[in-house]
Amino acid sequence: MKYKRILLKLSGEALSGKTPIDFEHVLTAAGHIKALHDISCQLGVVVGGGNIWRGRSGGTMDRSRADNIGMLATAMNALALEQALIDLGVPVRAMSAVSMEVFMDSYSAREANKSVDEGTVVIFACGSGSPFFSTDTAAALRAAQIHADALLLAKNIDGIYTADPNIDTNAKRYVRISFDEVIARNLKATDLTAMSFCREYGLPMVVFEMRSDESFVMAANGVNAGTIVDNEPGFELA
């Protein structure tokens, strides 16, 4: 595999269906994670909370409080995903950036690395534990803290495009592009803070479509993987 040790970012929407947390969809997402675990990937997972609540959707609510609600949403998703992985026989441990010992362990970089080393999938809940920072940024942070080879972003689209492919039929997908190009072109791959963090620490980012177990394995192999973002200058179009 090109990337042996991985931080996978899953959107909360991947777990939703007929209800905000649809266990059939949760099991599907867990199956994708199991496919990576089965090929001996060492895995950390950050899950979003957008299926339940987004801080920026809090209207006139204080942003810090709105983001705190969003952190609780990620905790609920983490618990659901943890149960699904247990049901599939995958060793798993959920850790929270915010203390909630009744429900899951508190985050510790040392303990997280130990678990990942042992082949346990570690799910990171509550983002970075701070308001104003997205779960994409939290994923970049956790990727650096567990010494991941790459940050994999599972999306509903198969990579980064020159324009919105849902609007512009002439939009082309980047096979590879540098962080500098993404930032300069203001491409909507992930938030700028996460992108800048990965650029600074030389952490490759793989943006790919969450469609099947095979797409996750291809992303880990860096082959036909959507879009790879790294520090190499320039870009390549599909």
Protein backbone atom coordinates (compact mmCIF):
# COMPACT_ATOMS: atom_id res chain seq x y z
CA MET A 1 0.00 0.00 0.00
CA LYS A 2 1.11 3.55 -0.68
CA TYR A 3 -0.37 4.70 2.63
CA LYS A 4 -0.06 2.23 5.49
CA ARG A 5 -1.10 4.50 8.36
CA ILE A 6 -4.19 6.54 7.59
CA LEU A 7 -6.45 9.15 9.09
CA LEU A 8 -9.86 8.80 7.44
CA LYS A 9 -12.36 11.64 7.57
CA LEU A 10 -16.01 10.60 7.17
CA SER A 11 -18.81 13.12 6.87
CA GLY A 12 -21.78 12.79 9.20
CA GLU A 13 -24.00 12.64 6.13
CA ALA A 14 -22.46 9.24 5.30
CA LEU A 15 -24.29 7.85 8.34
CA SER A 16 -27.69 9.34 7.56
CA GLY A 17 -30.61 7.96 5.62
CA LYS A 18 -34.22 7.69 6.67
CA THR A 19 -33.13 9.11 10.03
CA PRO A 20 -30.19 11.37 10.99
CA ILE A 21 -28.33 8.26 12.16
CA ASP A 22 -29.49 5.36 9.98
CA PHE A 23 -27.82 2.19 11.26
CA GLU A 24 -27.97 0.54 7.83
CA HIS A 25 -25.85 3.41 6.47
CA VAL A 26 -23.62 3.27 9.55
CA LEU A 27 -22.96 -0.43 8.87
CA THR A 28 -22.11 0.38 5.26
CA ALA A 29 -19.58 3.00 6.39
CA ALA A 30 -18.18 0.54 8.93
CA GLY A 31 -17.82 -2.02 6.14
CA HIS A 32 -15.65 0.44 4.18
CA ILE A 33 -13.45 0.90 7.25
CA LYS A 34 -13.26 -2.87 7.73
CA ALA A 35 -12.03 -3.24 4.14
CA LEU A 36 -9.06 -1.02 5.02
CA HIS A 37 -8.48 -2.82 8.32
CA ASP A 38 -8.53 -6.16 6.49
CA ILE A 39 -5.58 -5.10 4.31
CA SER A 40 -3.66 -4.17 7.49
CA CYS A 41 -4.06 -0.40 7.34
CA GLN A 42 -3.48 1.31 10.68
CA LEU A 43 -6.48 3.58 11.08
CA GLY A 44 -7.74 6.65 12.83
CA VAL A 45 -11.19 7.99 11.90
CA VAL A 46 -12.66 11.45 12.40
CA VAL A 47 -16.40 11.62 11.88
CA GLY A 48 -18.37 14.79 11.24
CA GLY A 49 -21.74 15.75 12.68
CA GLY A 50 -23.46 17.46 9.77
CA ASN A 51 -26.23 14.86 9.64
CA ILE A 52 -27.42 16.15 13.02
CA TRP A 53 -26.15 19.70 13.45
CA ARG A 54 -23.73 22.20 11.93
CA GLY A 55 -22.43 25.03 14.06
CA ARG A 56 -22.68 27.52 11.22
CA SER A 57 -26.41 26.72 10.98
CA GLY A 58 -27.08 28.02 14.49
CA GLY A 59 -28.61 31.26 13.24
CA THR A 60 -28.25 33.98 15.85
CA MET A 61 -26.96 31.52 18.46
CA ASP A 62 -23.53 32.24 19.90
CA ARG A 63 -21.07 30.46 17.59
CA SER A 64 -19.19 28.78 20.44
CA ARG A 65 -22.40 27.25 21.79
CA ALA A 66 -23.53 26.22 18.30
CA ASP A 67 -20.19 24.50 17.69
CA ASN A 68 -20.44 22.75 21.06
CA ILE A 69 -23.74 21.23 19.91
CA GLY A 70 -21.94 20.11 16.75
CA MET A 71 -19.27 18.40 18.85
CA LEU A 72 -21.96 16.45 20.67
CA ALA A 73 -23.36 15.42 17.28
CA THR A 74 -19.97 13.96 16.32
CA ALA A 75 -19.91 12.04 19.62
CA MET A 76 -23.25 10.40 18.82
CA ASN A 77 -21.98 9.46 15.36
CA ALA A 78 -18.76 8.08 16.84
CA LEU A 79 -20.69 5.83 19.23
CA ALA A 80 -22.90 4.54 16.42
CA LEU A 81 -19.87 3.85 14.22
CA GLU A 82 -18.05 2.18 17.10
CA GLN A 83 -20.98 -0.21 17.62
CA ALA A 84 -21.13 -1.04 13.92
CA LEU A 85 -17.43 -1.90 13.87
CA ILE A 86 -17.86 -4.06 16.99
CA ASP A 87 -20.68 -5.88 15.19
CA LEU A 88 -18.31 -6.52 12.26
CA GLY A 89 -15.61 -7.88 14.55
CA VAL A 90 -13.21 -4.97 14.07
CA PRO A 91 -11.20 -3.89 17.15
CA VAL A 92 -12.21 -0.30 17.82
CA ARG A 93 -11.88 2.43 20.41
CA ALA A 94 -13.68 5.79 20.54
CA MET A 95 -11.91 8.79 22.04
CA SER A 96 -13.29 12.27 22.69
CA ALA A 97 -11.50 15.62 22.62
CA VAL A 98 -14.03 16.71 25.27
CA SER A 99 -14.17 14.79 28.54
CA MET A 100 -17.17 12.42 28.63
CA GLU A 101 -15.80 9.38 30.43
CA VAL A 102 -19.23 7.77 30.82
CA PHE A 103 -19.45 7.33 27.05
CA MET A 104 -15.90 7.01 25.72
CA ASP A 105 -12.24 7.55 26.59
CA SER A 106 -10.76 11.02 26.71
CA TYR A 107 -8.34 11.79 23.90
CA SER A 108 -4.65 11.22 24.50
CA ALA A 109 -2.14 11.26 21.64
CA ARG A 110 -0.04 8.65 23.44
CA GLU A 111 -2.98 6.29 23.98
CA ALA A 112 -4.28 6.87 20.47
CA ASN A 113 -0.92 5.99 18.93
CA LYS A 114 -0.61 2.91 21.11
CA SER A 115 -4.04 1.66 19.99
CA VAL A 116 -3.36 2.38 16.31
CA ASP A 117 -0.01 0.56 16.58
CA GLU A 118 -1.88 -2.47 17.93
CA GLY A 119 -4.26 -2.54 14.97
CA THR A 120 -7.23 -0.98 16.74
CA VAL A 121 -9.34 1.48 14.75
CA VAL A 122 -9.50 4.69 16.79
CA ILE A 123 -12.52 6.96 16.25
CA PHE A 124 -11.93 10.57 17.24
CA ALA A 125 -15.04 12.41 18.43
CA CYS A 126 -15.75 16.09 19.19
CA GLY A 127 -13.38 17.45 16.58
CA SER A 128 -10.45 19.32 18.05
CA GLY A 129 -12.43 20.14 21.19
CA SER A 130 -12.48 23.83 20.28
CA PRO A 131 -15.20 25.87 18.57
CA PHE A 132 -14.61 27.65 15.24
CA PHE A 133 -12.52 24.76 13.87
CA SER A 134 -14.10 22.32 11.41
CA THR A 135 -13.88 18.54 11.65
CA ASP A 136 -11.73 18.64 8.49
CA THR A 137 -9.20 20.71 10.43
CA ALA A 138 -9.52 18.32 13.38
CA ALA A 139 -8.82 15.45 10.97
CA ALA A 140 -5.63 17.15 9.77
CA LEU A 141 -4.56 17.69 13.38
CA ARG A 142 -5.24 14.07 14.40
CA ALA A 143 -3.47 12.84 11.26
CA ALA A 144 -0.32 14.66 12.33
CA GLN A 145 -0.65 13.45 15.92
CA ILE A 146 -0.89 9.78 14.97
CA HIS A 147 1.90 10.20 12.37
CA ALA A 148 -0.37 9.22 9.49
CA ASP A 149 1.05 8.74 6.02
CA ALA A 150 -1.96 10.49 4.51
CA LEU A 151 -5.30 12.11 5.25
CA LEU A 152 -8.13 10.47 3.29
CA LEU A 153 -11.28 12.56 2.77
CA ALA A 154 -14.28 10.44 1.75
CA LYS A 155 -16.70 12.66 -0.15
CA ASN A 156 -19.84 12.43 -2.27
CA ILE A 157 -17.77 13.48 -5.31
CA ASP A 158 -14.82 11.66 -6.85
CA GLY A 159 -12.16 14.33 -6.31
CA ILE A 160 -11.34 18.00 -6.79
CA TYR A 161 -12.50 19.70 -9.98
CA THR A 162 -11.59 22.86 -11.87
CA ALA A 163 -15.17 24.00 -11.25
CA ASP A 164 -18.34 22.59 -9.71
CA PRO A 165 -19.10 19.56 -11.93
CA ASN A 166 -22.76 19.77 -10.94
CA ILE A 167 -22.93 23.19 -12.59
CA ASP A 168 -20.17 23.25 -15.20
CA THR A 169 -20.23 20.30 -17.61
CA ASN A 170 -16.73 21.26 -18.78
CA ALA A 171 -15.23 20.89 -15.30
CA LYS A 172 -12.23 18.56 -15.21
CA ARG A 173 -10.96 16.48 -12.31
CA TYR A 174 -7.47 16.93 -10.97
CA VAL A 175 -5.60 13.64 -10.62
CA ARG A 176 -2.95 15.42 -8.58
CA ILE A 177 -2.51 19.00 -7.51
CA SER A 178 -0.29 20.90 -5.10
CA PHE A 179 -1.55 22.53 -1.92
CA ASP A 180 -0.33 25.87 -3.28
CA GLU A 181 -2.42 25.47 -6.44
CA VAL A 182 -5.55 24.52 -4.47
CA ILE A 183 -5.16 27.57 -2.26
CA ALA A 184 -4.29 29.94 -5.13
CA ARG A 185 -7.22 28.73 -7.23
CA ASN A 186 -9.58 28.78 -4.21
CA LEU A 187 -10.77 25.27 -4.99
CA LYS A 188 -13.44 23.95 -2.63
CA ALA A 189 -11.73 20.75 -1.51
CA THR A 190 -11.77 21.34 2.23
CA ASP A 191 -11.43 24.35 4.49
CA LEU A 192 -8.33 26.51 4.11
CA THR A 193 -7.09 25.87 7.65
CA ALA A 194 -6.93 22.11 7.08
CA MET A 195 -5.29 22.60 3.68
CA SER A 196 -2.65 24.97 5.07
CA PHE A 197 -1.94 22.63 7.98
CA CYS A 198 -1.36 19.65 5.66
CA ARG A 199 0.87 21.76 3.42
CA GLU A 200 3.01 22.89 6.36
CA TYR A 201 3.50 19.36 7.70
CA GLY A 202 3.89 17.67 4.30
CA LEU A 203 0.84 15.48 4.85
CA PRO A 204 -0.66 14.22 1.56
CA MET A 205 -4.42 14.53 1.22
CA VAL A 206 -6.51 12.13 -0.87
CA VAL A 207 -9.99 13.31 -1.84
CA PHE A 208 -12.11 10.45 -3.19
CA GLU A 209 -15.69 9.29 -3.63
CA MET A 210 -17.17 7.13 -0.91
CA ARG A 211 -18.93 4.61 -3.15
CA SER A 212 -17.57 1.13 -2.33
CA ASP A 213 -15.03 -0.85 -0.35
CA GLU A 214 -12.87 -0.87 -3.47
CA SER A 215 -12.76 2.94 -3.64
CA PHE A 216 -11.40 3.05 -0.09
CA VAL A 217 -8.72 0.46 -0.89
CA MET A 218 -7.75 2.32 -4.08
CA ALA A 219 -7.42 5.53 -2.08
CA ALA A 220 -5.09 3.76 0.38
CA ASN A 221 -3.06 2.53 -2.58
CA GLY A 222 -3.01 5.96 -4.21
CA VAL A 223 -4.26 4.43 -7.47
CA ASN A 224 -7.25 5.88 -9.37
CA ALA A 225 -7.94 7.56 -6.07
CA GLY A 226 -9.79 10.72 -7.04
CA THR A 227 -7.39 13.60 -6.35
CA ILE A 228 -4.09 13.50 -4.48
CA VAL A 229 -2.97 16.83 -2.99
CA ASP A 230 0.67 17.18 -1.96
CA ASN A 231 3.60 19.59 -1.95
CA GLU A 232 4.86 18.71 -5.43
CA PRO A 233 4.46 21.81 -7.66
CA GLY A 234 1.91 21.94 -10.45
CA PHE A 235 -1.05 19.72 -11.23
CA GLU A 236 -2.29 16.96 -13.53
CA LEU A 237 -5.78 16.73 -15.00
CA ALA A 238 -7.67 13.50 -15.69
